[in-house]
Amino acid sequence: MTALWGLLRKEALHILRDRRTLAVLLLLPVLQVVIFGYAIRTDVEDVRLAIVDPAPDFATLRLRARLTAAHVFRVVTVLRETEPLERLFQTGTVQAALVFEPGFADDLGRGLPARLLVITDTTEPNTGVTIQNHVLSVVQSAAREMPTRAGGVQIVPQARLRFNPTAESKNLFVPGLMAFVLTIISCLMTAITLTREKETGTMEALLVSPLRPWQIIVGKVAPYLLVGFASVIGVIVEARLVFDVPLRGSVPLLLAEGLLFILVSLALGVLISARTDSQRVAMTAALLGTMLPTMILSGFIFPVESMPRVLQYLSNVVPAKWFVIIARGIMLKGTGLAYLWQETLVLSGMALVLLGAAARSFHERLE
């Protein structure tokens, strides 16, 4: 018992002395509960809606007012024609569109079918179908209150699903899995490997070498860059051949974006390894700083629009969020760089900042 008590006391003192480990162990459960509690939601809120109303009348204005009063939709734009809708859907500016036919109120008054079209982006199938049902529910509710001729035909809504017309969940998860796999290979494995070398003392040999910090970083992460790039190719091939996920956009662009995301993840892994002293802390930091945000805050599984504002703002610093948008845009929408340049610019900025921070931290550790 004395030996056991001594071992317990020694381990407890070791944890208490390592303030970083203690802080991670204390904060991790709290952060997990907060993030999971607020992020894991199936509710649909703040839906970005476009309305195409060529000839506004009392009936279309009433329907538009009902949609606004539902506190689920946010009308992004009101158009007179349908041509701008394609760009709005490609860039993700809108999630749904309500298209009225000209003479909507006149058709109602004469007992003719008053038609409208509900177009929904089903890149995220569960969210898209839920949005469509919300819109149709509001339309049907408003239709029962609108006066029509006795025995006349009321509103006839039609629905169209864009980009994922069969609403298959695999088309949602497989592009997101690419970000998840690359995060594991590039960030987690890099952080653990470099930290293990510091623990075993092999990193000390670099102190007497003529190599500069950036050269050491390149030499250490280059193999993981190649492995990550091979993983991108493997996931794309598997997505097409095994899961039959569409690939409507440019394959070279998708490979280039994947390489950019790998650079960001590698830089983050090097930064974590430079700031930690043990594999345990490095693994915990990588899980907390990359794996959990990739799972929860990237839109990989749960829609970011349904999260509280604080988590929506926080998701902007998660690299996987931007890569998931890019991967789904290229694979499901056929979107090119003309629509994805902002997301690409964000990832490029993250890569530069993290690579600079990693090189500086690594240099400090060597000194």
Protein backbone atom coordinates (compact mmCIF):
# COMPACT_ATOMS: atom_id res chain seq x y z
CA MET A 1 0.00 0.00 0.00
CA THR A 2 2.88 2.36 0.76
CA ALA A 3 4.33 1.79 -2.71
CA LEU A 4 0.93 2.32 -4.32
CA TRP A 5 0.38 5.52 -2.36
CA GLY A 6 3.83 6.75 -3.39
CA LEU A 7 3.09 6.03 -7.05
CA LEU A 8 -0.23 7.88 -6.87
CA ARG A 9 1.40 10.83 -5.13
CA LYS A 10 4.18 10.96 -7.72
CA GLU A 11 1.73 10.94 -10.65
CA ALA A 12 -0.47 13.59 -9.03
CA LEU A 13 2.52 15.88 -8.44
CA HIS A 14 3.65 15.34 -12.03
CA ILE A 15 0.25 16.47 -13.35
CA LEU A 16 0.13 19.45 -10.99
CA ARG A 17 3.58 20.62 -12.05
CA ASP A 18 2.72 20.36 -15.75
CA ARG A 19 0.38 23.32 -15.90
CA ARG A 20 -0.42 22.89 -19.58
CA THR A 21 -1.51 19.30 -19.08
CA LEU A 22 -3.57 20.25 -16.04
CA ALA A 23 -5.25 23.12 -17.90
CA VAL A 24 -6.09 20.87 -20.84
CA LEU A 25 -7.48 18.13 -18.60
CA LEU A 26 -9.67 20.60 -16.72
CA LEU A 27 -10.88 22.62 -19.69
CA LEU A 28 -11.47 19.76 -22.13
CA PRO A 29 -14.63 18.30 -20.50
CA VAL A 30 -16.13 21.77 -20.00
CA LEU A 31 -15.50 22.82 -23.59
CA GLN A 32 -16.81 19.52 -24.92
CA VAL A 33 -20.12 19.88 -23.08
CA VAL A 34 -20.55 23.51 -24.16
CA ILE A 35 -19.66 22.94 -27.81
CA PHE A 36 -21.62 19.70 -28.18
CA GLY A 37 -24.61 21.11 -26.30
CA TYR A 38 -24.93 24.12 -28.58
CA ALA A 39 -23.67 22.68 -31.86
CA ILE A 40 -25.56 19.37 -32.03
CA ARG A 41 -28.87 20.67 -33.26
CA THR A 42 -31.23 19.57 -35.98
CA ASP A 43 -33.24 22.80 -35.88
CA VAL A 44 -33.21 25.02 -38.94
CA GLU A 45 -32.83 28.73 -38.28
CA ASP A 46 -31.83 31.85 -40.19
CA VAL A 47 -32.55 30.32 -43.60
CA ARG A 48 -31.20 32.51 -46.40
CA LEU A 49 -34.08 32.96 -48.83
CA ALA A 50 -34.31 34.62 -52.24
CA ILE A 51 -37.67 35.66 -53.66
CA VAL A 52 -38.35 36.06 -57.38
CA ASP A 53 -41.46 38.22 -57.82
CA PRO A 54 -41.76 39.54 -61.40
CA ALA A 55 -45.01 41.45 -60.71
CA PRO A 56 -45.69 42.02 -57.01
CA ASP A 57 -49.35 42.01 -56.01
CA PHE A 58 -51.33 41.66 -52.79
CA ALA A 59 -51.10 37.85 -52.83
CA THR A 60 -47.32 37.65 -53.31
CA LEU A 61 -46.75 40.42 -50.76
CA ARG A 62 -48.89 38.57 -48.23
CA LEU A 63 -46.97 35.35 -48.76
CA ARG A 64 -43.66 37.18 -48.43
CA ALA A 65 -44.86 38.75 -45.19
CA ARG A 66 -45.87 35.35 -43.83
CA LEU A 67 -42.43 33.95 -44.59
CA THR A 68 -40.73 36.85 -42.84
CA ALA A 69 -43.03 36.53 -39.83
CA ALA A 70 -42.10 32.86 -39.42
CA HIS A 71 -38.74 33.92 -37.85
CA VAL A 72 -37.07 31.04 -39.66
CA PHE A 73 -36.30 32.76 -42.95
CA ARG A 74 -34.13 35.75 -43.74
CA VAL A 75 -34.92 37.27 -47.13
CA VAL A 76 -31.53 37.98 -48.70
CA THR A 77 -32.76 39.48 -51.95
CA VAL A 78 -35.92 40.10 -53.97
CA LEU A 79 -35.50 39.68 -57.73
CA ARG A 80 -37.60 40.29 -60.81
CA GLU A 81 -36.09 37.42 -62.83
CA THR A 82 -34.52 34.02 -62.18
CA GLU A 83 -31.16 34.49 -63.94
CA PRO A 84 -29.20 35.68 -60.84
CA LEU A 85 -30.35 32.63 -58.85
CA GLU A 86 -27.65 30.36 -60.28
CA ARG A 87 -24.83 32.51 -58.94
CA LEU A 88 -26.56 32.94 -55.58
CA PHE A 89 -26.86 29.16 -55.19
CA GLN A 90 -23.33 28.49 -56.43
CA THR A 91 -21.80 30.89 -53.91
CA GLY A 92 -24.03 29.68 -51.06
CA THR A 93 -25.56 33.14 -50.63
CA VAL A 94 -29.02 31.60 -50.53
CA GLN A 95 -30.27 28.22 -49.38
CA ALA A 96 -33.71 28.40 -50.95
CA ALA A 97 -35.67 30.47 -53.45
CA LEU A 98 -39.38 31.15 -53.90
CA VAL A 99 -40.34 31.92 -57.49
CA PHE A 100 -43.77 33.44 -58.27
CA GLU A 101 -45.38 33.42 -61.69
CA PRO A 102 -46.52 36.78 -63.13
CA GLY A 103 -50.19 37.52 -62.45
CA PHE A 104 -50.25 35.42 -59.29
CA ALA A 105 -53.17 37.27 -57.67
CA ASP A 106 -55.11 37.46 -60.95
CA ASP A 107 -54.93 33.68 -61.33
CA LEU A 108 -56.24 33.25 -57.80
CA GLY A 109 -59.13 35.62 -58.43
CA ARG A 110 -60.15 33.87 -61.65
CA GLY A 111 -59.97 30.38 -60.15
CA LEU A 112 -56.90 29.40 -62.16
CA PRO A 113 -53.87 27.59 -60.68
CA ALA A 114 -51.61 30.16 -59.02
CA ARG A 115 -48.23 28.49 -59.37
CA LEU A 116 -45.04 29.05 -57.47
CA LEU A 117 -41.77 27.18 -57.39
CA VAL A 118 -39.71 26.35 -54.29
CA ILE A 119 -36.03 25.71 -55.12
CA THR A 120 -33.85 24.31 -52.34
CA ASP A 121 -30.12 23.66 -52.08
CA THR A 122 -29.80 20.07 -50.84
CA THR A 123 -26.03 19.94 -50.63
CA GLU A 124 -26.89 19.27 -46.99
CA PRO A 125 -29.85 16.93 -47.62
CA ASN A 126 -31.41 16.94 -44.15
CA THR A 127 -31.25 20.71 -43.90
CA GLY A 128 -32.45 21.18 -47.47
CA VAL A 129 -35.48 18.91 -47.08
CA THR A 130 -36.36 20.56 -43.76
CA ILE A 131 -36.14 24.02 -45.36
CA GLN A 132 -38.36 22.90 -48.22
CA ASN A 133 -40.95 21.53 -45.81
CA HIS A 134 -40.90 24.79 -43.84
CA VAL A 135 -41.49 26.87 -46.97
CA LEU A 136 -44.28 24.61 -48.23
CA SER A 137 -45.90 24.63 -44.79
CA VAL A 138 -45.99 28.43 -44.70
CA VAL A 139 -47.32 28.56 -48.28
CA GLN A 140 -50.07 26.05 -47.55
CA SER A 141 -51.02 27.86 -44.36
CA ALA A 142 -51.27 31.17 -46.20
CA ALA A 143 -53.19 29.57 -49.07
CA ARG A 144 -56.00 28.54 -46.73
CA GLU A 145 -56.52 32.13 -45.71
CA MET A 146 -56.52 33.69 -49.19
CA PRO A 147 -59.89 34.38 -50.80
CA THR A 148 -60.59 32.59 -54.08
CA ARG A 149 -63.63 32.01 -56.23
CA ALA A 150 -66.00 29.33 -55.03
CA GLY A 151 -64.62 25.98 -56.07
CA GLY A 152 -61.61 27.68 -57.62
CA VAL A 153 -58.10 26.31 -57.67
CA GLN A 154 -55.81 27.79 -55.05
CA ILE A 155 -52.03 27.95 -54.85
CA VAL A 156 -50.19 25.09 -56.55
CA PRO A 157 -46.61 24.87 -55.20
CA GLN A 158 -43.91 22.93 -56.98
CA ALA A 159 -40.60 21.84 -55.46
CA ARG A 160 -37.17 21.37 -56.96
CA LEU A 161 -34.03 20.11 -55.23
CA ARG A 162 -30.67 21.43 -56.46
CA PHE A 163 -27.22 19.76 -56.52
CA ASN A 164 -28.38 16.63 -54.64
CA PRO A 165 -31.84 15.87 -56.03
CA THR A 166 -32.02 12.43 -54.43
CA ALA A 167 -31.13 13.95 -51.01
CA GLU A 168 -28.60 11.19 -50.31
CA SER A 169 -26.59 11.66 -47.12
CA LYS A 170 -23.43 10.15 -48.62
CA ASN A 171 -23.13 13.18 -50.88
CA LEU A 172 -22.98 15.27 -47.70
CA PHE A 173 -20.57 13.19 -45.61
CA VAL A 174 -18.00 11.92 -48.12
CA PRO A 175 -16.65 15.38 -49.10
CA GLY A 176 -16.55 16.30 -45.41
CA LEU A 177 -14.69 13.08 -44.60
CA MET A 178 -11.87 14.29 -46.80
CA ALA A 179 -11.25 17.16 -44.37
CA PHE A 180 -11.48 14.81 -41.40
CA VAL A 181 -9.00 12.29 -42.82
CA LEU A 182 -6.52 14.97 -43.84
CA THR A 183 -6.71 16.52 -40.37
CA ILE A 184 -5.77 13.19 -38.79
CA ILE A 185 -2.88 12.52 -41.15
CA SER A 186 -1.50 16.04 -41.40
CA CYS A 187 -2.06 17.62 -38.00
CA LEU A 188 -2.49 14.88 -35.41
CA MET A 189 0.23 12.56 -36.71
CA THR A 190 2.69 15.42 -37.27
CA ALA A 191 2.20 16.78 -33.75
CA ILE A 192 2.60 13.35 -32.14
CA THR A 193 5.63 12.35 -34.23
CA LEU A 194 7.61 15.54 -33.65
CA THR A 195 6.81 15.52 -29.93
CA ARG A 196 7.96 11.89 -29.66
CA GLU A 197 11.30 12.85 -31.15
CA LYS A 198 11.69 15.56 -28.52
CA GLU A 199 10.88 13.05 -25.79
CA THR A 200 13.39 10.49 -27.08
CA GLY A 201 16.11 13.12 -27.57
CA THR A 202 16.60 12.65 -31.31
CA MET A 203 15.58 16.25 -31.87
CA GLU A 204 18.69 17.37 -29.97
CA ALA A 205 20.84 16.16 -32.85
CA LEU A 206 19.38 18.96 -34.96
CA LEU A 207 20.96 21.54 -32.65
CA VAL A 208 24.45 20.76 -33.97
CA SER A 209 23.37 20.53 -37.60
CA PRO A 210 23.80 23.42 -40.09
CA LEU A 211 20.11 23.27 -40.99
CA ARG A 212 17.90 26.30 -40.45
CA PRO A 213 14.51 26.01 -38.68
CA TRP A 214 12.53 26.25 -41.91
CA GLN A 215 14.69 23.53 -43.46
CA ILE A 216 14.09 21.27 -40.48
CA ILE A 217 10.34 21.87 -40.74
CA VAL A 218 10.35 21.09 -44.46
CA GLY A 219 12.31 17.91 -43.90
CA LYS A 220 9.98 16.76 -41.15
CA VAL A 221 6.63 17.54 -42.79
CA ALA A 222 7.41 16.76 -46.46
CA PRO A 223 6.62 13.03 -46.07
CA TYR A 224 3.27 13.86 -44.47
CA LEU A 225 2.56 16.29 -47.31
CA LEU A 226 3.03 13.46 -49.81
CA VAL A 227 0.98 11.04 -47.72
CA GLY A 228 -1.80 13.60 -47.37
CA PHE A 229 -1.83 14.30 -51.11
CA ALA A 230 -2.03 10.57 -51.82
CA SER A 231 -4.93 10.42 -49.36
CA VAL A 232 -6.77 13.16 -51.26
CA ILE A 233 -6.46 11.15 -54.47
CA GLY A 234 -7.57 7.99 -52.66
CA VAL A 235 -10.65 9.66 -51.15
CA ILE A 236 -11.67 11.11 -54.52
CA VAL A 237 -11.33 7.74 -56.25
CA GLU A 238 -13.19 5.99 -53.45
CA ALA A 239 -15.95 8.62 -53.47
CA ARG A 240 -16.55 8.06 -57.18
CA LEU A 241 -16.12 4.28 -57.44
CA VAL A 242 -17.48 3.09 -54.09
CA PHE A 243 -20.05 5.70 -53.03
CA ASP A 244 -20.89 7.11 -56.50
CA VAL A 245 -20.61 10.69 -55.25
CA PRO A 246 -20.78 13.10 -58.21
CA LEU A 247 -17.69 15.04 -59.21
CA ARG A 248 -19.05 17.87 -61.33
CA GLY A 249 -16.15 20.29 -60.98
CA SER A 250 -12.46 20.38 -61.79
CA VAL A 251 -10.34 17.52 -60.41
CA PRO A 252 -7.06 19.52 -60.61
CA LEU A 253 -8.71 22.35 -58.65
CA LEU A 254 -9.89 19.92 -55.98
CA LEU A 255 -6.39 18.41 -55.71
CA ALA A 256 -4.84 21.87 -55.41
CA GLU A 257 -7.31 22.89 -52.71
CA GLY A 258 -6.62 19.64 -50.88
CA LEU A 259 -2.89 20.37 -50.98
CA LEU A 260 -3.53 23.85 -49.57
CA PHE A 261 -5.58 22.40 -46.70
CA ILE A 262 -2.81 19.88 -45.99
CA LEU A 263 -0.33 22.75 -45.65
CA VAL A 264 -2.61 24.45 -43.13
CA SER A 265 -3.01 21.24 -41.11
CA LEU A 266 0.72 20.47 -41.20
CA ALA A 267 1.58 23.97 -39.99
CA LEU A 268 -0.91 23.60 -37.15
CA GLY A 269 0.61 20.24 -36.21
CA VAL A 270 4.14 21.68 -36.15
CA LEU A 271 2.93 24.62 -34.04
CA ILE A 272 1.32 22.27 -31.51
CA SER A 273 4.45 20.12 -31.30
CA ALA A 274 6.64 23.18 -30.78
CA ARG A 275 4.48 24.36 -27.89
CA THR A 276 4.16 21.02 -26.09
CA ASP A 277 6.67 18.77 -24.33
CA SER A 278 4.93 15.36 -24.32
CA GLN A 279 2.97 13.19 -26.69
CA ARG A 280 0.05 13.13 -24.27
CA VAL A 281 -0.28 16.91 -24.26
CA ALA A 282 0.28 17.11 -28.02
CA MET A 283 -2.42 14.52 -28.69
CA THR A 284 -4.87 16.24 -26.36
CA ALA A 285 -4.13 19.65 -27.88
CA ALA A 286 -4.52 18.28 -31.41
CA LEU A 287 -7.81 16.62 -30.51
CA LEU A 288 -9.11 19.76 -28.85
CA GLY A 289 -7.77 22.20 -31.42
CA THR A 290 -8.43 20.32 -34.66
CA MET A 291 -10.40 17.09 -34.41
CA LEU A 292 -13.33 18.38 -32.37
CA PRO A 293 -13.70 21.62 -34.35
CA THR A 294 -13.55 19.62 -37.58
CA MET A 295 -16.30 17.30 -36.37
CA ILE A 296 -18.53 19.94 -34.79
CA LEU A 297 -17.87 23.42 -36.17
CA SER A 298 -16.93 22.81 -39.81
CA GLY A 299 -20.41 21.97 -41.10
CA PHE A 300 -19.17 18.44 -41.77
CA ILE A 301 -22.09 16.95 -39.83
CA PHE A 302 -24.11 19.76 -38.27
CA PRO A 303 -25.15 22.89 -40.22
CA VAL A 304 -23.33 25.98 -39.02
CA GLU A 305 -26.43 28.13 -39.64
CA SER A 306 -28.28 26.33 -36.83
CA MET A 307 -25.63 27.14 -34.23
CA PRO A 308 -25.61 30.17 -31.91
CA ARG A 309 -23.93 33.30 -33.26
CA VAL A 310 -20.89 32.84 -31.04
CA LEU A 311 -20.18 29.38 -32.48
CA GLN A 312 -20.84 30.65 -36.00
CA TYR A 313 -18.16 33.30 -35.54
CA LEU A 314 -15.86 30.75 -33.91
CA SER A 315 -16.27 28.39 -36.85
CA ASN A 316 -14.60 30.97 -39.11
CA VAL A 317 -11.21 30.14 -37.58
CA VAL A 318 -11.64 26.42 -38.25
CA PRO A 319 -9.75 25.60 -41.48
CA ALA A 320 -11.90 22.54 -42.14
CA LYS A 321 -15.01 24.73 -42.51
CA TRP A 322 -13.56 26.45 -45.56
CA PHE A 323 -12.27 23.24 -47.10
CA VAL A 324 -15.63 21.50 -46.61
CA ILE A 325 -17.32 24.38 -48.47
CA ILE A 326 -14.75 24.07 -51.26
CA ALA A 327 -14.98 20.27 -51.54
CA ARG A 328 -18.79 20.25 -51.63
CA GLY A 329 -18.84 23.14 -54.07
CA ILE A 330 -16.50 21.42 -56.52
CA MET A 331 -17.93 17.92 -56.17
CA LEU A 332 -21.66 18.58 -55.89
CA LYS A 333 -22.18 21.99 -57.51
CA GLY A 334 -19.41 21.98 -60.11
CA THR A 335 -18.25 25.33 -58.74
CA GLY A 336 -15.00 26.80 -60.02
CA LEU A 337 -12.42 29.16 -58.59
CA ALA A 338 -14.48 32.13 -59.75
CA TYR A 339 -16.98 31.30 -56.97
CA LEU A 340 -14.56 29.77 -54.44
CA TRP A 341 -11.81 32.40 -54.46
CA GLN A 342 -12.83 33.81 -51.08
CA GLU A 343 -12.59 30.42 -49.33
CA THR A 344 -9.28 29.77 -51.12
CA LEU A 345 -7.96 33.14 -50.00
CA VAL A 346 -8.92 32.39 -46.38
CA LEU A 347 -7.09 29.04 -46.44
CA SER A 348 -4.05 30.68 -48.06
CA GLY A 349 -3.96 33.32 -45.33
CA MET A 350 -4.25 30.65 -42.63
CA ALA A 351 -1.41 28.68 -44.22
CA LEU A 352 0.90 31.72 -44.26
CA VAL A 353 0.09 32.73 -40.68
CA LEU A 354 0.41 29.21 -39.25
CA LEU A 355 3.59 28.42 -41.18
CA GLY A 356 5.16 31.64 -39.90
CA ALA A 357 4.06 30.95 -36.33
CA ALA A 358 5.26 27.34 -36.54
CA ALA A 359 8.70 28.36 -37.88
CA ARG A 360 9.10 30.99 -35.17
CA SER A 361 8.02 28.64 -32.37
CA PHE A 362 10.25 25.88 -33.69
CA HIS A 363 13.20 28.27 -33.83
CA GLU A 364 12.57 29.29 -30.23
CA ARG A 365 12.48 25.65 -29.15
CA LEU A 366 15.77 24.91 -30.92
CA GLU A 367 17.43 27.90 -29.22
